[in-house]
N, C-alpha and C. Protein backbone atom coordinates (compact mmCIF):
# COMPACT_ATOMS: atom_id res chain seq x y z
N UNK A 1 78.92 133.13 88.98
CA UNK A 1 79.48 133.83 87.85
C UNK A 1 78.62 135.01 87.42
N UNK A 2 77.29 134.87 87.48
CA UNK A 2 76.41 135.98 87.14
C UNK A 2 75.71 136.44 88.42
N UNK A 3 75.86 137.72 88.73
CA UNK A 3 75.17 138.32 89.87
C UNK A 3 73.76 138.64 89.41
N UNK A 4 72.80 137.83 89.84
CA UNK A 4 71.41 137.97 89.39
C UNK A 4 70.79 139.28 89.86
N UNK A 5 71.32 139.86 90.93
CA UNK A 5 70.81 141.14 91.42
C UNK A 5 71.22 142.29 90.49
N UNK A 6 72.39 142.17 89.89
CA UNK A 6 72.89 143.23 89.00
C UNK A 6 72.42 143.06 87.56
N UNK A 7 72.24 141.81 87.12
CA UNK A 7 71.89 141.54 85.73
C UNK A 7 70.58 142.22 85.34
N UNK A 8 70.61 142.94 84.21
CA UNK A 8 69.41 143.63 83.73
C UNK A 8 68.79 142.92 82.53
N UNK A 9 69.36 141.78 82.15
CA UNK A 9 68.79 141.00 81.05
C UNK A 9 68.90 141.66 79.69
N UNK A 10 69.93 142.44 79.48
CA UNK A 10 70.06 143.17 78.21
C UNK A 10 70.42 142.27 77.03
N UNK A 11 71.07 141.13 77.31
CA UNK A 11 71.40 140.18 76.26
C UNK A 11 72.72 140.39 75.56
N UNK A 12 73.48 141.39 75.96
CA UNK A 12 74.77 141.65 75.32
C UNK A 12 75.68 140.43 75.43
N UNK A 13 75.77 139.84 76.60
CA UNK A 13 76.64 138.68 76.79
C UNK A 13 76.17 137.48 75.97
N UNK A 14 74.86 137.31 75.87
CA UNK A 14 74.30 136.20 75.09
C UNK A 14 74.71 136.34 73.62
N UNK A 15 74.61 137.55 73.11
CA UNK A 15 74.94 137.80 71.70
C UNK A 15 76.42 137.65 71.40
N UNK A 16 77.28 138.01 72.35
CA UNK A 16 78.71 138.03 72.09
C UNK A 16 79.46 136.76 72.47
N UNK A 17 78.86 135.88 73.21
CA UNK A 17 79.55 134.66 73.63
C UNK A 17 79.91 133.81 72.41
N UNK A 18 81.21 133.53 72.20
CA UNK A 18 81.63 132.80 71.01
C UNK A 18 81.26 131.31 71.02
N UNK A 19 80.91 130.77 72.18
CA UNK A 19 80.59 129.34 72.26
C UNK A 19 79.14 129.08 72.69
N UNK A 20 78.34 130.13 72.67
CA UNK A 20 76.91 130.03 73.03
C UNK A 20 76.69 129.37 74.39
N UNK A 21 77.50 129.80 75.37
CA UNK A 21 77.42 129.24 76.71
C UNK A 21 76.46 130.00 77.62
N UNK A 22 75.90 131.10 77.13
CA UNK A 22 75.04 131.94 77.95
C UNK A 22 73.62 131.95 77.40
N UNK A 23 72.68 131.83 78.31
CA UNK A 23 71.26 131.89 77.94
C UNK A 23 70.54 132.64 79.05
N UNK A 24 69.24 132.80 78.89
CA UNK A 24 68.43 133.45 79.91
C UNK A 24 67.71 132.42 80.76
N UNK A 25 67.62 132.68 82.05
CA UNK A 25 66.84 131.80 82.93
C UNK A 25 65.38 132.21 82.88
N UNK A 26 64.56 131.58 83.68
CA UNK A 26 63.11 131.84 83.67
C UNK A 26 62.75 133.25 84.12
N UNK A 27 63.71 133.95 84.74
CA UNK A 27 63.47 135.32 85.19
C UNK A 27 64.07 136.36 84.25
N UNK A 28 64.58 135.92 83.10
CA UNK A 28 65.16 136.85 82.14
C UNK A 28 66.55 137.30 82.49
N UNK A 29 67.22 136.57 83.36
CA UNK A 29 68.59 136.90 83.77
C UNK A 29 69.55 135.95 83.07
N UNK A 30 70.76 136.42 82.83
CA UNK A 30 71.77 135.59 82.17
C UNK A 30 72.19 134.43 83.07
N UNK A 31 72.45 133.30 82.43
CA UNK A 31 73.02 132.17 83.13
C UNK A 31 74.08 131.55 82.23
N UNK A 32 75.18 131.12 82.84
CA UNK A 32 76.30 130.58 82.09
C UNK A 32 76.39 129.07 82.31
N UNK A 33 76.49 128.34 81.21
CA UNK A 33 76.67 126.89 81.27
C UNK A 33 78.15 126.62 81.47
N UNK A 34 78.55 126.16 82.66
CA UNK A 34 79.98 125.94 82.92
C UNK A 34 80.61 124.85 82.05
N UNK A 35 79.79 123.97 81.50
CA UNK A 35 80.31 122.92 80.62
C UNK A 35 80.74 123.49 79.26
N UNK A 36 80.09 124.56 78.83
CA UNK A 36 80.40 125.18 77.54
C UNK A 36 81.37 126.35 77.64
N UNK A 37 81.37 127.03 78.77
CA UNK A 37 82.18 128.24 78.95
C UNK A 37 83.68 127.96 78.82
N UNK A 38 84.36 128.79 78.02
CA UNK A 38 85.80 128.65 77.82
C UNK A 38 86.58 129.75 78.56
N UNK A 39 85.91 130.54 79.38
CA UNK A 39 86.50 131.60 80.19
C UNK A 39 87.31 132.60 79.37
N UNK A 40 86.76 132.99 78.22
CA UNK A 40 87.45 133.93 77.35
C UNK A 40 87.36 135.37 77.87
N UNK A 41 86.35 135.66 78.70
CA UNK A 41 86.20 137.00 79.27
C UNK A 41 85.37 137.97 78.47
N UNK A 42 84.86 137.54 77.31
CA UNK A 42 84.08 138.43 76.46
C UNK A 42 82.82 138.92 77.18
N UNK A 43 82.14 138.04 77.86
CA UNK A 43 80.91 138.42 78.56
C UNK A 43 81.20 139.39 79.70
N UNK A 44 82.24 139.10 80.45
CA UNK A 44 82.61 139.96 81.58
C UNK A 44 82.95 141.36 81.10
N UNK A 45 83.71 141.45 80.02
CA UNK A 45 84.12 142.74 79.47
C UNK A 45 82.97 143.51 78.84
N UNK A 46 81.97 142.81 78.35
CA UNK A 46 80.87 143.47 77.64
C UNK A 46 79.67 143.82 78.51
N UNK A 47 79.62 143.30 79.71
CA UNK A 47 78.45 143.54 80.57
C UNK A 47 78.42 145.01 81.04
N UNK A 48 77.36 145.73 80.68
CA UNK A 48 77.30 147.15 81.03
C UNK A 48 77.09 147.42 82.52
N UNK A 49 76.67 146.42 83.28
CA UNK A 49 76.43 146.62 84.71
C UNK A 49 77.38 145.78 85.57
N UNK A 50 78.41 145.21 84.96
CA UNK A 50 79.42 144.40 85.65
C UNK A 50 78.81 143.30 86.50
N UNK A 51 77.83 142.59 85.91
CA UNK A 51 77.16 141.51 86.63
C UNK A 51 77.87 140.17 86.48
N UNK A 52 78.86 140.10 85.59
CA UNK A 52 79.54 138.82 85.35
C UNK A 52 80.99 138.90 85.81
N UNK A 53 81.37 137.90 86.60
CA UNK A 53 82.75 137.76 87.06
C UNK A 53 83.17 136.33 86.81
N UNK A 54 84.25 136.16 86.07
CA UNK A 54 84.76 134.82 85.79
C UNK A 54 85.84 134.42 86.77
């Protein structure tokens, strides 16, 4: 779901996720918890580098 090569760790998706399903991994890249994710598309639409695909 998150392309770690593209992710720049800006945090936009983390801030906008309505269910707090996104956090940073040990490398400062976004990671999505599939148990929490409701596939609303907010993160995908807000990512400035198109690193998230649902």
